[in-house]
């Protein structure tokens, strides 16, 4: 084989920024890690702390035990810390934990908690509440579970918004899941506002800053590349939305990949440019892993395309800032 035959084809990788971990995800992972440091193992986590297998497996290796329901935690470990995931939980979950005398830490993203508070305010003010979101997503289950069953109506599509029939003559209000497509949500809101001009909107956008920023970066890069990779898990709403945003922005080869080993190389034959981003629950090490995989087959040049700066951080729960472990945990 001649030297020219051995040369790798050139590939320009346009790396979206911001990408990857948001402040809420970073805080949730810190809560699990600090709880393990402070109270030792095991620390229980209800549901995946964030939707990323790599992150979850890493925390398992450190001593975190993941369960779907509190009843799975052995009675002998009732005093051990149990952490609620970043997506938020219905009110019934902490109530159940209290009945079981469990010591729990809430890792719900503060921006999700903001939506929970909005729902409660609308309820107290006698409004009929619509939640724009995806059925079955943990965040939606948690938000709807802040109020009695049947109080919140779920709107998933513009067709849902067109068909919705108010159940009373009470004023209407809407809230949204934090990880939706900005454009999809705008379309649903437009239908609702056209049908119900007096519907009460959130005081501040419910879709979180990180979701919006990552989608804007993808919109900027996707039309200029031959293919787009979103690093993230298939059950991650914000990651799925990033892939959809890339496709709509004009990049037909837009794929969601968890790890470098999942790359279907035939999808990337003959490309000269690649856009790369990561969902809010995907660690940077997985982005680096994918760049390294492409560097094994291409002569790679990486360029960062930054469309926003992020400086937001959230406080940790008081229990993890307090150097003295609570009696409940110490007794476990």
Protein backbone atom coordinates (compact mmCIF):
# COMPACT_ATOMS: atom_id res chain seq x y z
CA UNK A 1 0.00 0.00 0.00
CA UNK A 2 1.36 3.39 -0.98
CA UNK A 3 1.63 6.33 1.44
CA UNK A 4 -1.23 8.15 -0.35
CA UNK A 5 -3.48 5.10 0.09
CA UNK A 6 -2.73 5.08 3.81
CA UNK A 7 -3.75 8.71 4.28
CA UNK A 8 -6.96 9.26 6.18
CA UNK A 9 -9.67 11.39 4.61
CA UNK A 10 -9.99 14.85 6.19
CA UNK A 11 -12.88 15.51 8.56
CA UNK A 12 -13.90 18.80 10.11
CA UNK A 13 -15.72 18.27 13.42
CA UNK A 14 -17.81 21.23 14.52
CA UNK A 15 -18.26 20.88 18.26
CA UNK A 16 -21.39 22.58 19.60
CA UNK A 17 -21.07 24.70 22.71
CA UNK A 18 -22.84 24.68 25.08
CA UNK A 19 -23.28 20.90 25.20
CA UNK A 20 -23.41 18.16 27.80
CA UNK A 21 -24.03 18.55 31.50
CA UNK A 22 -26.32 21.34 32.65
CA UNK A 23 -26.34 22.79 36.16
CA UNK A 24 -29.27 20.61 37.26
CA UNK A 25 -27.61 17.38 36.12
CA UNK A 26 -24.27 18.39 37.61
CA UNK A 27 -25.99 19.11 40.93
CA UNK A 28 -27.87 15.78 40.93
CA UNK A 29 -24.71 13.76 40.32
CA UNK A 30 -22.88 15.75 43.01
CA UNK A 31 -25.67 14.95 45.46
CA UNK A 32 -25.19 11.21 44.96
CA UNK A 33 -21.39 11.43 45.13
CA UNK A 34 -21.39 13.64 48.23
CA UNK A 35 -23.98 11.43 49.94
CA UNK A 36 -21.72 8.43 49.33
CA UNK A 37 -18.74 10.33 50.76
CA UNK A 38 -20.67 11.52 53.80
CA UNK A 39 -22.81 8.53 54.70
CA UNK A 40 -20.96 5.63 53.05
CA UNK A 41 -22.53 2.91 50.96
CA UNK A 42 -25.18 2.00 50.11
CA UNK A 43 -26.99 5.15 49.05
CA UNK A 44 -30.29 4.44 47.30
CA UNK A 45 -31.49 6.40 44.27
CA UNK A 46 -35.10 6.29 43.10
CA UNK A 47 -35.09 6.05 39.30
CA UNK A 48 -32.02 6.89 37.19
CA UNK A 49 -30.51 10.02 38.73
CA UNK A 50 -30.13 11.30 35.14
CA UNK A 51 -30.83 9.52 31.87
CA UNK A 52 -27.35 8.25 31.04
CA UNK A 53 -26.17 4.65 31.47
CA UNK A 54 -22.49 5.63 31.72
CA UNK A 55 -23.25 8.00 34.59
CA UNK A 56 -25.54 5.52 36.34
CA UNK A 57 -23.02 2.67 36.01
CA UNK A 58 -20.28 4.91 37.40
CA UNK A 59 -22.38 5.74 40.45
CA UNK A 60 -23.29 2.07 40.92
CA UNK A 61 -19.59 1.27 41.05
CA UNK A 62 -19.19 3.81 43.86
CA UNK A 63 -21.99 2.26 45.92
CA UNK A 64 -25.26 3.77 44.67
CA UNK A 65 -28.18 1.35 44.42
CA UNK A 66 -30.89 2.29 41.93
CA UNK A 67 -34.52 1.35 42.52
CA UNK A 68 -37.75 2.26 40.77
CA UNK A 69 -39.90 2.35 43.92
CA UNK A 70 -39.18 2.91 47.61
CA UNK A 71 -40.67 -0.48 48.49
CA UNK A 72 -37.66 -2.13 46.84
CA UNK A 73 -35.37 -0.76 49.59
CA UNK A 74 -34.86 -3.41 52.31
CA UNK A 75 -36.46 -2.52 55.65
CA UNK A 76 -33.05 -2.98 57.28
CA UNK A 77 -31.75 -0.09 55.13
CA UNK A 78 -34.63 2.30 55.83
CA UNK A 79 -32.19 4.65 57.59
CA UNK A 80 -29.86 4.85 54.59
CA UNK A 81 -30.11 7.94 52.37
CA UNK A 82 -32.48 7.72 49.42
CA UNK A 83 -32.16 10.30 46.65
CA UNK A 84 -34.92 11.43 44.29
CA UNK A 85 -33.80 11.92 40.68
CA UNK A 86 -33.25 15.21 38.85
CA UNK A 87 -36.55 14.76 36.98
CA UNK A 88 -38.67 15.29 40.09
CA UNK A 89 -41.21 13.02 41.77
CA UNK A 90 -44.93 13.13 42.59
CA UNK A 91 -45.78 14.43 46.07
CA UNK A 92 -46.81 10.92 47.05
CA UNK A 93 -43.15 9.77 46.95
CA UNK A 94 -41.71 11.96 49.77
CA UNK A 95 -44.93 11.33 51.71
CA UNK A 96 -44.31 7.58 51.36
CA UNK A 97 -40.68 8.07 52.42
CA UNK A 98 -41.82 9.87 55.57
CA UNK A 99 -44.27 7.08 56.41
CA UNK A 100 -41.39 4.60 56.05
CA UNK A 101 -39.15 6.81 58.26
CA UNK A 102 -36.66 7.18 55.41
CA UNK A 103 -33.99 9.88 55.22
CA UNK A 104 -34.26 11.35 51.74
CA UNK A 105 -32.43 13.95 49.66
CA UNK A 106 -34.21 15.66 46.78
CA UNK A 107 -32.06 16.06 43.66
CA UNK A 108 -34.93 17.52 41.61
CA UNK A 109 -33.57 20.19 39.26
CA UNK A 110 -34.54 23.61 40.66
CA UNK A 111 -35.95 24.53 37.25
CA UNK A 112 -38.30 21.53 37.43
CA UNK A 113 -39.23 22.55 40.98
CA UNK A 114 -40.12 25.99 39.56
CA UNK A 115 -42.69 24.33 37.27
CA UNK A 116 -44.07 22.36 40.25
CA UNK A 117 -44.56 25.63 42.15
CA UNK A 118 -46.27 27.22 39.13
CA UNK A 119 -48.72 24.29 38.98
CA UNK A 120 -49.56 24.71 42.66
CA UNK A 121 -50.08 28.48 42.27
CA UNK A 122 -52.45 27.97 39.32
CA UNK A 123 -54.35 25.35 41.34
CA UNK A 124 -54.70 27.67 44.34
CA UNK A 125 -55.97 30.43 42.06
CA UNK A 126 -58.66 28.16 40.64
CA UNK A 127 -57.26 27.78 37.16
CA UNK A 128 -57.64 24.80 34.85
CA UNK A 129 -54.08 23.60 34.15
CA UNK A 130 -52.62 22.26 30.89
CA UNK A 131 -49.16 20.66 30.87
CA UNK A 132 -47.31 20.57 27.54
CA UNK A 133 -45.09 17.49 27.65
CA UNK A 134 -44.55 13.83 26.79
CA UNK A 135 -46.71 11.18 28.41
CA UNK A 136 -44.80 8.76 30.62
CA UNK A 137 -41.68 10.91 30.99
CA UNK A 138 -40.57 11.00 34.66
CA UNK A 139 -40.67 14.80 34.72
CA UNK A 140 -44.26 14.83 33.47
CA UNK A 141 -45.28 12.15 35.99
CA UNK A 142 -43.65 14.21 38.75
CA UNK A 143 -45.27 17.49 37.69
CA UNK A 144 -48.76 16.03 37.30
CA UNK A 145 -48.26 14.30 40.65
CA UNK A 146 -47.94 17.62 42.48
CA UNK A 147 -51.72 17.97 42.38
CA UNK A 148 -54.69 15.62 42.85
CA UNK A 149 -55.26 13.14 40.03
CA UNK A 150 -57.18 14.56 37.09
CA UNK A 151 -56.40 18.21 37.84
CA UNK A 152 -53.68 18.59 35.17
CA UNK A 153 -54.43 17.82 31.50
CA UNK A 154 -51.54 16.71 29.27
CA UNK A 155 -51.08 18.29 25.83
CA UNK A 156 -48.50 16.52 23.65
CA UNK A 157 -49.15 17.91 20.15
CA UNK A 158 -50.72 20.76 18.25
CA UNK A 159 -53.62 18.41 17.44
CA UNK A 160 -54.13 17.86 21.17
CA UNK A 161 -54.21 21.64 21.60
CA UNK A 162 -56.81 21.98 18.82
CA UNK A 163 -59.01 19.24 20.29
CA UNK A 164 -58.79 20.27 23.92
CA UNK A 165 -62.17 21.04 25.48
CA UNK A 166 -62.10 22.95 28.77
CA UNK A 167 -63.76 21.01 31.56
CA UNK A 168 -65.20 24.08 33.25
CA UNK A 169 -65.58 27.82 32.90
CA UNK A 170 -62.50 28.41 35.08
CA UNK A 171 -59.61 30.41 33.56
CA UNK A 172 -56.92 28.36 31.79
CA UNK A 173 -53.16 28.26 32.40
CA UNK A 174 -50.37 26.24 30.84
CA UNK A 175 -46.99 24.99 32.03
CA UNK A 176 -44.41 22.92 30.14
CA UNK A 177 -41.91 20.13 30.57
CA UNK A 178 -38.43 21.68 30.79
CA UNK A 179 -36.76 19.55 28.11
CA UNK A 180 -39.03 20.04 25.09
CA UNK A 181 -38.27 21.25 21.59
CA UNK A 182 -38.50 25.03 21.70
CA UNK A 183 -40.07 25.13 18.22
CA UNK A 184 -42.59 22.33 18.87
CA UNK A 185 -43.68 23.97 22.09
CA UNK A 186 -44.04 27.36 20.40
CA UNK A 187 -46.39 25.78 17.87
CA UNK A 188 -48.56 24.21 20.59
CA UNK A 189 -48.64 27.47 22.57
CA UNK A 190 -49.66 29.38 19.45
CA UNK A 191 -52.65 27.08 18.96
CA UNK A 192 -53.68 27.41 22.61
CA UNK A 193 -53.35 31.20 22.58
CA UNK A 194 -55.34 31.47 19.37
CA UNK A 195 -58.15 29.33 20.84
CA UNK A 196 -57.95 30.74 24.37
CA UNK A 197 -56.59 34.32 24.19
CA UNK A 198 -56.75 34.74 27.97
CA UNK A 199 -54.77 31.59 28.82
CA UNK A 200 -52.16 32.35 31.49
CA UNK A 201 -48.56 31.71 30.40
CA UNK A 202 -45.56 31.10 32.68
CA UNK A 203 -44.02 34.32 34.04
CA UNK A 204 -40.71 33.02 32.70
CA UNK A 205 -40.18 30.36 30.03
CA UNK A 206 -40.50 26.84 31.49
CA UNK A 207 -38.18 25.22 28.94
CA UNK A 208 -34.86 25.39 30.74
CA UNK A 209 -31.95 27.58 29.67
CA UNK A 210 -29.76 24.54 28.95
CA UNK A 211 -32.33 22.90 26.65
CA UNK A 212 -32.75 26.18 24.75
CA UNK A 213 -29.01 26.85 24.49
CA UNK A 214 -28.19 23.34 23.24
CA UNK A 215 -30.93 23.50 20.63
CA UNK A 216 -29.77 26.92 19.42
CA UNK A 217 -26.20 25.64 19.02
CA UNK A 218 -27.45 22.68 16.97
CA UNK A 219 -29.56 24.97 14.78
CA UNK A 220 -26.42 26.98 14.05
CA UNK A 221 -24.21 23.99 13.20
CA UNK A 222 -26.57 21.43 11.61
CA UNK A 223 -27.19 23.23 8.27
CA UNK A 224 -23.41 23.48 7.69
CA UNK A 225 -22.37 19.83 8.19
CA UNK A 226 -22.80 16.54 6.34
CA UNK A 227 -23.82 14.60 9.45
CA UNK A 228 -24.70 15.27 13.07
CA UNK A 229 -24.17 13.16 16.19
CA UNK A 230 -25.97 13.78 19.46
CA UNK A 231 -24.35 11.98 22.38
CA UNK A 232 -27.09 10.85 24.73
CA UNK A 233 -29.43 8.11 25.87
CA UNK A 234 -32.55 7.04 23.95
CA UNK A 235 -34.71 7.74 27.03
CA UNK A 236 -33.29 11.26 27.39
CA UNK A 237 -35.93 13.73 26.24
CA UNK A 238 -33.54 16.65 25.71
CA UNK A 239 -31.16 14.43 23.70
CA UNK A 240 -33.95 13.16 21.45
CA UNK A 241 -35.08 16.74 20.85
CA UNK A 242 -31.52 17.72 19.83
CA UNK A 243 -31.50 15.02 17.16
CA UNK A 244 -34.90 16.18 15.87
CA UNK A 245 -33.74 19.81 15.85
CA UNK A 246 -30.66 18.88 13.78
CA UNK A 247 -32.77 17.00 11.26
CA UNK A 248 -35.23 19.85 10.91
CA UNK A 249 -32.39 22.33 10.52
CA UNK A 250 -31.33 20.50 7.36
CA UNK A 251 -28.94 17.75 8.44
CA UNK A 252 -30.54 14.55 7.15
CA UNK A 253 -27.98 12.24 8.76
CA UNK A 254 -28.65 13.07 12.39
CA UNK A 255 -28.22 10.26 14.88
CA UNK A 256 -28.38 9.74 18.64
CA UNK A 257 -25.48 7.66 19.99
CA UNK A 258 -24.69 6.56 23.55
CA UNK A 259 -21.07 5.45 23.11
CA UNK A 260 -18.43 5.30 20.37
CA UNK A 261 -19.04 1.57 20.08
CA UNK A 262 -22.57 2.33 18.83
CA UNK A 263 -21.38 4.23 15.74
CA UNK A 264 -22.72 2.76 12.47
CA UNK A 265 -19.78 3.67 10.29
CA UNK A 266 -21.65 3.23 7.00
CA UNK A 267 -23.73 6.27 7.97
CA UNK A 268 -20.60 8.43 7.85
CA UNK A 269 -18.90 7.22 4.68
CA UNK A 270 -17.71 10.03 2.46
CA UNK A 271 -18.52 12.87 4.86
CA UNK A 272 -16.25 15.92 5.09
CA UNK A 273 -17.84 17.59 8.08
CA UNK A 274 -19.50 16.38 11.26
CA UNK A 275 -21.50 18.27 13.87
CA UNK A 276 -21.18 16.94 17.43
CA UNK A 277 -23.15 17.78 20.56
CA UNK A 278 -24.28 16.09 23.76
CA UNK A 279 -27.52 16.03 25.71
CA UNK A 280 -27.66 17.62 29.15
CA UNK A 281 -27.10 14.28 30.91
CA UNK A 282 -24.13 13.11 28.79
CA UNK A 283 -20.61 13.57 30.25
CA UNK A 284 -17.84 15.18 28.22
CA UNK A 285 -15.76 12.00 28.35
CA UNK A 286 -18.24 10.37 25.94
CA UNK A 287 -17.84 13.26 23.49
CA UNK A 288 -14.06 12.82 23.66
CA UNK A 289 -14.50 9.08 23.10
CA UNK A 290 -16.42 9.71 19.88
CA UNK A 291 -13.89 12.26 18.63
CA UNK A 292 -11.15 9.67 19.25
CA UNK A 293 -13.12 7.04 17.31
CA UNK A 294 -13.40 9.34 14.30
CA UNK A 295 -9.71 10.27 14.62
CA UNK A 296 -8.94 6.58 14.11
CA UNK A 297 -10.52 6.71 10.64
CA UNK A 298 -10.23 10.36 9.60
CA UNK A 299 -7.70 13.16 9.71
CA UNK A 300 -9.70 15.14 12.21
CA UNK A 301 -9.74 18.89 12.78
CA UNK A 302 -11.94 20.04 15.67
CA UNK A 303 -13.54 23.48 15.81
CA UNK A 304 -15.72 24.66 18.69
CA UNK A 305 -18.80 26.68 17.72
CA UNK A 306 -20.03 28.59 20.77
CA UNK A 307 -23.43 30.26 20.68
CA UNK A 308 -23.95 31.02 24.41
CA UNK A 309 -22.11 31.18 27.73
CA UNK A 310 -23.46 29.32 30.75
CA UNK A 311 -22.55 30.36 34.28
CA UNK A 312 -25.56 29.05 36.23
CA UNK A 313 -25.04 26.81 39.27
CA UNK A 314 -27.44 25.56 41.92
CA UNK A 315 -27.02 25.13 45.66
CA UNK A 316 -26.71 21.67 47.16
CA UNK A 317 -29.23 20.45 49.78
CA UNK A 318 -28.53 21.76 53.27
CA UNK A 319 -27.91 18.23 54.57
CA UNK A 320 -24.86 17.89 52.31
CA UNK A 321 -23.49 21.26 53.37
CA UNK A 322 -23.91 20.36 57.06
CA UNK A 323 -20.77 18.57 58.32
CA UNK A 324 -22.75 16.65 60.98
CA UNK A 325 -24.76 13.75 59.52
CA UNK A 326 -28.46 13.79 60.46
CA UNK A 327 -29.40 11.30 63.17
CA UNK A 328 -31.56 9.41 60.73
CA UNK A 329 -28.60 8.63 58.49
CA UNK A 330 -26.18 8.01 61.33
CA UNK A 331 -28.51 5.39 62.76
CA UNK A 332 -28.50 3.57 59.41
